[in-house]
Amino acid sequence: MEVLRLYAKRRPRAACVLDSITIMRFALLLAVCCIPAMRAADEVTVYDLLAPATHSFDIIYDVTATRESAPYFFNPIRPGSTASKERVVDRATGKPLEFTTVDGKTAKAGGFVSPRTGDDAQFLRITLARPVPKGAETRIRIYKTYTDAPSYYETPTGFVFDRPLGIKRNVVILPKGYELVGSASPAMVSADPDGRIRVSFLNDRDDQLPVKITGRKLK
């Protein structure tokens, strides 16, 4: 059921209508989105939608590795998505980190991913600046571009972004010149200084959050 609709055309700021169920979650979403990224294992992903005709979106993924003595961090590549322009930095120093693409069998061999992972799964294996110290953490940032036509596609009036998201905090930034028409999950909506619409989600479930955003091109 659609629970949010934005009418932002020709307005400096976005306005949204939330149903009674969403209002109860709004304060929690606001609080979580303001938590600093210093917390152990804290994750947030930003999806920056490119022109709908490209079926592509840039991703910035902040995550904290906390497994003691771990020399690597494994980031899954979602099946069906074509990844490009990958790079990884250590957030403490800003220095680039080395990485390579490995299959699920290789990732499982070191015990760093679930033993239920398929052998043909794909991961970025990121070499950390140093193994995670005892009682400490290592914060990294992953940049990449995904092309995925089933998840992000153009419509006669705008676009659809339809992609279940597994981590707790996610932000989707609409392409410039588009307004938000609807969202299938509760969200916090704001406008960036350049007028682009930002849609923030809190996944309070034990599984993936069914994110489906529809947008319309401004005339």
Protein backbone atom coordinates (compact mmCIF):
# COMPACT_ATOMS: atom_id res chain seq x y z
CA MET A 1 0.00 0.00 0.00
CA GLU A 2 1.33 3.37 -0.86
CA VAL A 3 1.90 5.35 2.33
CA LEU A 4 3.65 8.44 1.11
CA ARG A 5 3.00 10.90 -1.68
CA LEU A 6 5.04 13.97 -2.44
CA TYR A 7 3.82 17.07 -4.20
CA ALA A 8 6.94 19.15 -4.76
CA LYS A 9 6.51 20.64 -8.19
CA ARG A 10 7.65 24.26 -8.21
CA ARG A 11 8.06 24.29 -4.45
CA PRO A 12 11.36 25.01 -2.73
CA ARG A 13 10.85 22.19 -0.25
CA ALA A 14 9.23 18.79 -0.43
CA ALA A 15 5.91 18.16 1.28
CA CYS A 16 4.67 14.71 2.16
CA VAL A 17 1.50 13.13 3.47
CA LEU A 18 2.01 10.28 5.92
CA ASP A 19 -0.67 7.90 7.14
CA SER A 20 -1.20 7.23 10.85
CA ILE A 21 1.03 4.14 10.86
CA THR A 22 3.93 6.00 9.30
CA ILE A 23 3.76 8.86 11.82
CA MET A 24 4.72 6.47 14.64
CA ARG A 25 7.86 5.47 12.74
CA PHE A 26 8.85 8.95 11.63
CA ALA A 27 10.55 10.01 14.88
CA LEU A 28 12.51 6.76 15.04
CA LEU A 29 13.65 7.17 11.45
CA LEU A 30 14.79 10.72 12.10
CA ALA A 31 16.74 9.69 15.18
CA VAL A 32 18.48 6.77 13.48
CA CYS A 33 19.40 8.79 10.40
CA CYS A 34 21.20 11.27 12.66
CA ILE A 35 23.33 8.68 14.45
CA PRO A 36 27.02 9.23 13.62
CA ALA A 37 28.72 6.56 11.51
CA MET A 38 31.22 5.89 14.34
CA ARG A 39 29.14 3.06 15.79
CA ALA A 40 30.47 -0.44 15.37
CA ALA A 41 29.01 -2.33 12.42
CA ASP A 42 27.00 0.76 11.47
CA GLU A 43 25.87 0.72 7.85
CA VAL A 44 24.29 3.20 5.48
CA THR A 45 23.89 3.06 1.70
CA VAL A 46 23.17 6.02 -0.57
CA TYR A 47 21.68 5.30 -4.01
CA ASP A 48 22.21 8.24 -6.37
CA LEU A 49 19.90 7.63 -9.32
CA LEU A 50 21.31 8.58 -12.71
CA ALA A 51 19.12 9.34 -15.75
CA PRO A 52 16.37 6.66 -15.88
CA ALA A 53 17.22 5.70 -19.46
CA THR A 54 20.65 4.47 -18.25
CA HIS A 55 19.15 2.01 -15.70
CA SER A 56 22.15 2.98 -13.55
CA PHE A 57 22.74 4.37 -10.08
CA ASP A 58 25.83 5.32 -8.12
CA ILE A 59 26.23 3.70 -4.71
CA ILE A 60 28.11 4.92 -1.64
CA TYR A 61 28.21 2.30 1.11
CA ASP A 62 29.62 3.08 4.56
CA VAL A 63 30.29 0.09 6.79
CA THR A 64 32.37 -0.76 9.84
CA ALA A 65 34.31 -4.02 10.06
CA THR A 66 34.39 -5.29 13.65
CA ARG A 67 35.51 -8.93 13.37
CA GLU A 68 38.72 -9.19 15.39
CA SER A 69 41.85 -9.94 13.34
CA ALA A 70 39.92 -9.95 10.05
CA PRO A 71 42.26 -8.95 7.19
CA TYR A 72 39.43 -8.61 4.67
CA PHE A 73 35.92 -7.29 4.27
CA PHE A 74 33.58 -9.00 1.78
CA ASN A 75 30.94 -6.93 0.00
CA PRO A 76 28.40 -8.95 -2.04
CA ILE A 77 27.67 -8.05 -5.66
CA ARG A 78 23.92 -8.43 -6.13
CA PRO A 79 22.94 -11.01 -8.78
CA GLY A 80 21.60 -9.38 -11.93
CA SER A 81 23.49 -6.13 -11.37
CA THR A 82 26.49 -5.12 -13.45
CA ALA A 83 29.04 -3.35 -11.26
CA SER A 84 31.53 -0.76 -12.50
CA LYS A 85 33.70 2.13 -11.26
CA GLU A 86 34.42 0.39 -7.96
CA ARG A 87 36.80 1.95 -5.48
CA VAL A 88 37.23 1.63 -1.71
CA VAL A 89 38.76 3.99 0.85
CA ASP A 90 39.72 3.71 4.50
CA ARG A 91 37.57 6.35 6.21
CA ALA A 92 40.12 7.03 8.94
CA THR A 93 42.85 8.04 6.49
CA GLY A 94 41.09 8.59 3.17
CA LYS A 95 43.62 6.27 1.52
CA PRO A 96 42.48 3.79 -1.17
CA LEU A 97 42.23 0.12 -0.30
CA GLU A 98 43.00 -2.78 -2.60
CA PHE A 99 40.21 -5.13 -3.64
CA THR A 100 39.45 -7.93 -6.04
CA THR A 101 36.37 -9.89 -7.13
CA VAL A 102 36.07 -13.43 -5.79
CA ASP A 103 33.40 -16.12 -5.92
CA GLY A 104 31.40 -17.50 -3.03
CA LYS A 105 33.55 -20.61 -2.75
CA THR A 106 36.65 -18.50 -2.16
CA ALA A 107 34.86 -16.25 0.33
CA LYS A 108 33.57 -19.24 2.31
CA ALA A 109 37.01 -20.81 2.50
CA GLY A 110 38.16 -18.16 4.95
CA GLY A 111 34.98 -18.35 7.01
CA PHE A 112 34.13 -14.72 6.32
CA VAL A 113 30.67 -15.28 4.81
CA SER A 114 27.77 -17.60 5.56
CA PRO A 115 28.41 -21.26 4.73
CA ARG A 116 25.06 -21.18 2.94
CA THR A 117 26.46 -18.76 0.36
CA GLY A 118 26.37 -20.16 -3.17
CA ASP A 119 29.68 -21.08 -4.76
CA ASP A 120 28.88 -18.87 -7.75
CA ALA A 121 28.05 -15.77 -5.66
CA GLN A 122 30.25 -12.75 -6.32
CA PHE A 123 31.99 -10.54 -3.75
CA LEU A 124 34.39 -7.64 -3.58
CA ARG A 125 37.18 -8.86 -1.29
CA ILE A 126 38.61 -5.72 0.27
CA THR A 127 42.01 -5.82 1.91
CA LEU A 128 41.86 -3.71 5.05
CA ALA A 129 44.67 -1.31 5.92
CA ARG A 130 45.45 -3.66 8.81
CA PRO A 131 43.60 -6.55 10.47
CA VAL A 132 40.84 -5.33 12.78
CA PRO A 133 42.44 -4.77 16.23
CA LYS A 134 40.99 -6.35 19.35
CA GLY A 135 38.20 -4.22 20.77
CA ALA A 136 38.41 -1.81 17.84
CA GLU A 137 36.92 -1.36 14.39
CA THR A 138 37.80 -0.40 10.83
CA ARG A 139 35.54 1.97 8.88
CA ILE A 140 35.49 1.80 5.11
CA ARG A 141 33.57 3.43 2.26
CA ILE A 142 32.75 1.59 -0.97
CA TYR A 143 31.93 3.42 -4.20
CA LYS A 144 30.45 1.69 -7.24
CA THR A 145 27.95 2.07 -10.04
CA TYR A 146 25.30 -0.54 -10.69
CA THR A 147 23.38 -1.03 -13.92
CA ASP A 148 20.21 -3.05 -13.34
CA ALA A 149 17.29 -2.60 -15.74
CA PRO A 150 14.78 -4.72 -13.75
CA SER A 151 15.41 -2.60 -10.62
CA TYR A 152 15.51 0.85 -12.22
CA TYR A 153 13.69 1.70 -15.41
CA GLU A 154 12.06 4.50 -17.33
CA THR A 155 8.29 4.89 -17.71
CA PRO A 156 6.31 7.15 -20.08
CA THR A 157 6.01 9.79 -17.35
CA GLY A 158 9.06 9.15 -15.17
CA PHE A 159 10.74 6.14 -13.56
CA VAL A 160 10.42 3.25 -11.12
CA PHE A 161 13.11 2.20 -8.64
CA ASP A 162 12.10 -1.22 -7.30
CA ARG A 163 14.79 -2.86 -5.19
CA PRO A 164 14.55 -4.68 -1.84
CA LEU A 165 17.17 -3.32 0.56
CA GLY A 166 18.69 -5.39 3.35
CA ILE A 167 20.66 -3.03 5.56
CA LYS A 168 19.14 -0.78 8.21
CA ARG A 169 19.63 2.69 6.73
CA ASN A 170 19.22 3.57 3.06
CA VAL A 171 18.91 6.84 1.15
CA VAL A 172 17.69 7.16 -2.44
CA ILE A 173 18.37 10.44 -4.26
CA LEU A 174 16.09 11.07 -7.23
CA PRO A 175 17.58 12.22 -10.54
CA LYS A 176 17.54 15.97 -11.10
CA GLY A 177 14.31 17.24 -12.62
CA TYR A 178 12.06 14.55 -11.13
CA GLU A 179 9.51 14.64 -8.31
CA LEU A 180 8.44 11.83 -6.02
CA VAL A 181 5.02 10.37 -6.75
CA GLY A 182 4.92 7.49 -4.29
CA SER A 183 6.78 5.06 -2.05
CA ALA A 184 5.70 1.55 -1.10
CA SER A 185 7.46 1.78 2.30
CA PRO A 186 7.48 4.49 4.98
CA ALA A 187 10.14 7.11 4.34
CA MET A 188 11.45 10.51 5.35
CA VAL A 189 11.51 12.95 2.44
CA SER A 190 13.62 16.08 2.07
CA ALA A 191 15.04 18.29 -0.67
CA ASP A 192 18.75 18.90 -1.29
CA PRO A 193 19.95 22.47 -1.94
CA ASP A 194 20.02 21.74 -5.66
CA GLY A 195 16.35 20.70 -5.57
CA ARG A 196 16.91 16.95 -5.86
CA ILE A 197 14.58 14.86 -3.70
CA ARG A 198 16.11 12.63 -1.02
CA VAL A 199 14.12 9.64 0.31
CA SER A 200 15.45 8.01 3.50
CA PHE A 201 14.43 4.58 4.76
CA LEU A 202 14.82 2.75 8.07
CA ASN A 203 14.64 -1.02 7.70
CA ASP A 204 13.19 -2.17 11.02
CA ARG A 205 12.53 -5.68 9.72
CA ASP A 206 14.47 -8.91 10.05
CA ASP A 207 14.55 -9.28 6.28
CA GLN A 208 14.76 -7.00 3.26
CA LEU A 209 12.67 -3.83 3.06
CA PRO A 210 10.55 -3.78 -0.13
CA VAL A 211 11.52 -0.38 -1.51
CA LYS A 212 9.58 0.75 -4.57
CA ILE A 213 9.73 4.41 -5.57
CA THR A 214 7.87 5.99 -8.46
CA GLY A 215 8.92 9.38 -9.82
CA ARG A 216 7.60 11.80 -12.39
CA LYS A 217 9.52 14.15 -14.66
CA LEU A 218 8.84 17.82 -13.99
CA LYS A 219 7.62 19.82 -16.95
